[in-house]
Amino acid sequence: MPVFYRGPRALITHRVIEVPSRERQAFTLRELSRIQAVQEGPDLSANRFRAVGVTAVFTMVWAVPMLGRTSMLLAGVVTLALVVCAGACLRVRPRSEYRLLALNEGELVILVETDDRQEFDQIVRGLIRALDYRGDSK
């Protein structure tokens, strides 16, 4: 029995794709139709955080000369606060969700759902190879 992909989210052989959910589910490749790979995202809130971080950096460049004339201590405290804010905001990364959808006996099912792009690509390649193998052996 050829195995085209084996991982924590799926097991793909020449006949079935098994996916763990609450209980392990197996879908026969012959019964699947309209298989689609879908990417949702990236999350737009991450862009807002990045904008706040960039704004904090530019504010820091402006605030130090302005506040330094009045009080070096105040300029230091404001600079430190802006550095912390910029660092925290610029670390936020946009997240994408990847889903592998298919029709199984007329019902839409989510075969795989992950936020790991590399793992998702491996699963899709494994499924393509399994479908090709099934098509070659007919």
C-alpha atoms as a PDB file:
ATOM      1  CA  MET A   1       0.000   0.000   0.000  1.00  0.00           C
ATOM      2  CA  PRO A   2       1.732   3.220  -1.131  1.00  0.00           C
ATOM      3  CA  VAL A   3       1.699   6.071   1.374  1.00  0.00           C
ATOM      4  CA  PHE A   4       1.881   9.511  -0.210  1.00  0.00           C
ATOM      5  CA  TYR A   5       1.817  11.585   2.978  1.00  0.00           C
ATOM      6  CA  ARG A   6       1.968  10.743   6.670  1.00  0.00           C
ATOM      7  CA  GLY A   7       1.815  13.487   9.268  1.00  0.00           C
ATOM      8  CA  PRO A   8      -0.084  14.727  12.282  1.00  0.00           C
ATOM      9  CA  ARG A   9      -2.951  16.174  10.218  1.00  0.00           C
ATOM     10  CA  ALA A  10      -3.405  13.511   7.534  1.00  0.00           C
ATOM     11  CA  LEU A  11      -2.501  10.106   6.201  1.00  0.00           C
ATOM     12  CA  ILE A  12      -2.837   9.779   2.434  1.00  0.00           C
ATOM     13  CA  THR A  13      -2.666   6.403   0.709  1.00  0.00           C
ATOM     14  CA  HIS A  14      -3.644   5.343  -2.796  1.00  0.00           C
ATOM     15  CA  ARG A  15      -7.225   4.704  -1.619  1.00  0.00           C
ATOM     16  CA  VAL A  16      -8.065   7.014   1.307  1.00  0.00           C
ATOM     17  CA  ILE A  17      -7.213  10.208   3.106  1.00  0.00           C
ATOM     18  CA  GLU A  18      -7.490   9.819   6.883  1.00  0.00           C
ATOM     19  CA  VAL A  19      -7.774  12.948   8.996  1.00  0.00           C
ATOM     20  CA  PRO A  20      -7.873  13.193  12.770  1.00  0.00           C
ATOM     21  CA  SER A  21     -10.734  15.226  14.161  1.00  0.00           C
ATOM     22  CA  ARG A  22     -12.690  14.247  17.246  1.00  0.00           C
ATOM     23  CA  GLU A  23     -12.400  10.713  15.937  1.00  0.00           C
ATOM     24  CA  ARG A  24     -10.311   9.595  13.026  1.00  0.00           C
ATOM     25  CA  GLN A  25     -12.187   9.974   9.744  1.00  0.00           C
ATOM     26  CA  ALA A  26     -11.314   8.267   6.487  1.00  0.00           C
ATOM     27  CA  PHE A  27     -12.513   9.500   3.116  1.00  0.00           C
ATOM     28  CA  THR A  28     -12.223   7.291   0.049  1.00  0.00           C
ATOM     29  CA  LEU A  29     -10.488   9.182  -2.737  1.00  0.00           C
ATOM     30  CA  ARG A  30     -12.940   7.731  -5.253  1.00  0.00           C
ATOM     31  CA  GLU A  31     -15.866   9.427  -3.429  1.00  0.00           C
ATOM     32  CA  LEU A  32     -14.238  12.870  -3.202  1.00  0.00           C
ATOM     33  CA  SER A  33     -14.990  15.519  -5.800  1.00  0.00           C
ATOM     34  CA  ARG A  34     -14.345  19.217  -6.283  1.00  0.00           C
ATOM     35  CA  ILE A  35     -11.256  19.220  -4.095  1.00  0.00           C
ATOM     36  CA  GLN A  36     -10.108  22.785  -3.395  1.00  0.00           C
ATOM     37  CA  ALA A  37      -7.189  24.328  -1.545  1.00  0.00           C
ATOM     38  CA  VAL A  38      -8.289  27.569   0.132  1.00  0.00           C
ATOM     39  CA  GLN A  39      -6.214  30.258   1.844  1.00  0.00           C
ATOM     40  CA  GLU A  40      -7.948  32.673   4.211  1.00  0.00           C
ATOM     41  CA  GLY A  41      -6.130  35.701   5.501  1.00  0.00           C
ATOM     42  CA  PRO A  42      -3.860  37.329   6.235  1.00  0.00           C
ATOM     43  CA  ASP A  43      -5.399  38.789   9.324  1.00  0.00           C
ATOM     44  CA  LEU A  44      -5.959  42.525   8.793  1.00  0.00           C
ATOM     45  CA  SER A  45      -5.465  43.392  12.479  1.00  0.00           C
ATOM     46  CA  ALA A  46      -1.760  42.577  12.069  1.00  0.00           C
ATOM     47  CA  ASN A  47      -1.498  45.410   9.537  1.00  0.00           C
ATOM     48  CA  ARG A  48      -2.968  47.832  12.073  1.00  0.00           C
ATOM     49  CA  PHE A  49      -0.408  46.776  14.667  1.00  0.00           C
ATOM     50  CA  ARG A  50       2.404  47.263  12.178  1.00  0.00           C
ATOM     51  CA  ALA A  51       1.112  50.750  11.339  1.00  0.00           C
ATOM     52  CA  VAL A  52       1.089  51.653  15.044  1.00  0.00           C
ATOM     53  CA  GLY A  53       4.647  50.308  15.387  1.00  0.00           C
ATOM     54  CA  VAL A  54       5.944  52.364  12.452  1.00  0.00           C
ATOM     55  CA  THR A  55       4.162  55.420  13.835  1.00  0.00           C
ATOM     56  CA  ALA A  56       5.852  54.855  17.210  1.00  0.00           C
ATOM     57  CA  VAL A  57       9.275  54.752  15.506  1.00  0.00           C
ATOM     58  CA  PHE A  58       8.654  58.027  13.683  1.00  0.00           C
ATOM     59  CA  THR A  59       7.230  59.619  16.842  1.00  0.00           C
ATOM     60  CA  MET A  60      10.361  58.598  18.723  1.00  0.00           C
ATOM     61  CA  VAL A  61      12.542  60.340  16.129  1.00  0.00           C
ATOM     62  CA  TRP A  62      10.461  63.492  16.530  1.00  0.00           C
ATOM     63  CA  ALA A  63       9.932  63.351  20.322  1.00  0.00           C
ATOM     64  CA  VAL A  64      13.565  63.058  21.452  1.00  0.00           C
ATOM     65  CA  PRO A  65      14.748  66.418  20.068  1.00  0.00           C
ATOM     66  CA  MET A  66      11.542  68.182  21.151  1.00  0.00           C
ATOM     67  CA  LEU A  67      11.376  66.794  24.691  1.00  0.00           C
ATOM     68  CA  GLY A  68      15.156  66.767  25.196  1.00  0.00           C
ATOM     69  CA  ARG A  69      15.174  70.553  25.318  1.00  0.00           C
ATOM     70  CA  THR A  70      12.695  70.530  28.205  1.00  0.00           C
ATOM     71  CA  SER A  71      13.684  67.451  30.197  1.00  0.00           C
ATOM     72  CA  MET A  72      16.158  64.704  29.420  1.00  0.00           C
ATOM     73  CA  LEU A  73      14.380  62.396  31.912  1.00  0.00           C
ATOM     74  CA  LEU A  74      11.028  62.910  30.193  1.00  0.00           C
ATOM     75  CA  ALA A  75      12.647  62.350  26.789  1.00  0.00           C
ATOM     76  CA  GLY A  76      14.206  59.116  28.072  1.00  0.00           C
ATOM     77  CA  VAL A  77      10.920  57.800  29.504  1.00  0.00           C
ATOM     78  CA  VAL A  78       8.969  58.650  26.336  1.00  0.00           C
ATOM     79  CA  THR A  79      11.668  57.095  24.155  1.00  0.00           C
ATOM     80  CA  LEU A  80      11.660  53.902  26.224  1.00  0.00           C
ATOM     81  CA  ALA A  81       7.853  53.683  26.054  1.00  0.00           C
ATOM     82  CA  LEU A  82       7.893  54.210  22.284  1.00  0.00           C
ATOM     83  CA  VAL A  83      10.629  51.595  21.794  1.00  0.00           C
ATOM     84  CA  VAL A  84       8.589  49.044  23.776  1.00  0.00           C
ATOM     85  CA  CYS A  85       5.419  49.919  21.829  1.00  0.00           C
ATOM     86  CA  ALA A  86       7.193  49.746  18.461  1.00  0.00           C
ATOM     87  CA  GLY A  87       8.865  46.451  19.321  1.00  0.00           C
ATOM     88  CA  ALA A  88       5.626  44.842  20.461  1.00  0.00           C
ATOM     89  CA  CYS A  89       3.621  46.081  17.478  1.00  0.00           C
ATOM     90  CA  LEU A  90       6.196  45.193  14.838  1.00  0.00           C
ATOM     91  CA  ARG A  91       6.478  41.619  16.123  1.00  0.00           C
ATOM     92  CA  VAL A  92       2.863  40.830  15.249  1.00  0.00           C
ATOM     93  CA  ARG A  93       2.822  38.663  12.139  1.00  0.00           C
ATOM     94  CA  PRO A  94      -0.155  38.258   9.822  1.00  0.00           C
ATOM     95  CA  ARG A  95      -1.653  34.778  10.068  1.00  0.00           C
ATOM     96  CA  SER A  96      -3.240  32.833   7.274  1.00  0.00           C
ATOM     97  CA  GLU A  97      -5.441  29.757   7.501  1.00  0.00           C
ATOM     98  CA  TYR A  98      -5.180  26.995   4.923  1.00  0.00           C
ATOM     99  CA  ARG A  99      -8.024  24.565   4.274  1.00  0.00           C
ATOM    100  CA  LEU A 100      -8.428  21.584   2.001  1.00  0.00           C
ATOM    101  CA  LEU A 101     -12.112  21.254   1.084  1.00  0.00           C
ATOM    102  CA  ALA A 102     -13.944  18.580  -0.886  1.00  0.00           C
ATOM    103  CA  LEU A 103     -17.401  17.249  -1.627  1.00  0.00           C
ATOM    104  CA  ASN A 104     -17.962  13.814  -0.127  1.00  0.00           C
ATOM    105  CA  GLU A 105     -21.257  12.238  -1.184  1.00  0.00           C
ATOM    106  CA  GLY A 106     -22.668  15.708  -1.886  1.00  0.00           C
ATOM    107  CA  GLU A 107     -21.613  17.157   1.485  1.00  0.00           C
ATOM    108  CA  LEU A 108     -18.874  19.773   1.857  1.00  0.00           C
ATOM    109  CA  VAL A 109     -16.169  18.555   4.244  1.00  0.00           C
ATOM    110  CA  ILE A 110     -12.983  20.151   5.539  1.00  0.00           C
ATOM    111  CA  LEU A 111     -10.282  17.566   5.023  1.00  0.00           C
ATOM    112  CA  VAL A 112      -7.401  19.550   6.505  1.00  0.00           C
ATOM    113  CA  GLU A 113      -7.190  22.882   8.333  1.00  0.00           C
ATOM    114  CA  THR A 114      -3.875  24.400   9.392  1.00  0.00           C
ATOM    115  CA  ASP A 115      -1.933  27.643   9.637  1.00  0.00           C
ATOM    116  CA  ASP A 116       1.358  25.992   8.624  1.00  0.00           C
ATOM    117  CA  ARG A 117       1.968  26.726   4.927  1.00  0.00           C
ATOM    118  CA  GLN A 118       4.744  24.146   4.506  1.00  0.00           C
ATOM    119  CA  GLU A 119       2.696  21.310   6.020  1.00  0.00           C
ATOM    120  CA  PHE A 120      -0.322  22.290   3.927  1.00  0.00           C
ATOM    121  CA  ASP A 121       1.733  22.269   0.719  1.00  0.00           C
ATOM    122  CA  GLN A 122       3.069  18.801   1.567  1.00  0.00           C
ATOM    123  CA  ILE A 123      -0.459  17.486   2.144  1.00  0.00           C
ATOM    124  CA  VAL A 124      -1.701  18.953  -1.145  1.00  0.00           C
ATOM    125  CA  ARG A 125       1.248  17.451  -3.060  1.00  0.00           C
ATOM    126  CA  GLY A 126       0.602  14.072  -1.416  1.00  0.00           C
ATOM    127  CA  LEU A 127      -3.063  14.213  -2.383  1.00  0.00           C
ATOM    128  CA  ILE A 128      -2.206  15.157  -5.967  1.00  0.00           C
ATOM    129  CA  ARG A 129       0.222  12.226  -6.198  1.00  0.00           C
ATOM    130  CA  ALA A 130      -2.414   9.871  -4.738  1.00  0.00           C
ATOM    131  CA  LEU A 131      -5.020  11.061  -7.253  1.00  0.00           C
ATOM    132  CA  ASP A 132      -2.512  10.674 -10.097  1.00  0.00           C
ATOM    133  CA  TYR A 133      -1.626   7.175  -8.901  1.00  0.00           C
ATOM    134  CA  ARG A 134      -5.309   6.263  -8.743  1.00  0.00           C
ATOM    135  CA  GLY A 135      -5.822   7.652 -12.256  1.00  0.00           C
ATOM    136  CA  ASP A 136      -2.843   5.711 -13.622  1.00  0.00           C
ATOM    137  CA  SER A 137      -3.987   2.407 -12.148  1.00  0.00           C
ATOM    138  CA  LYS A 138      -7.516   2.505 -13.639  1.00  0.00           C
END
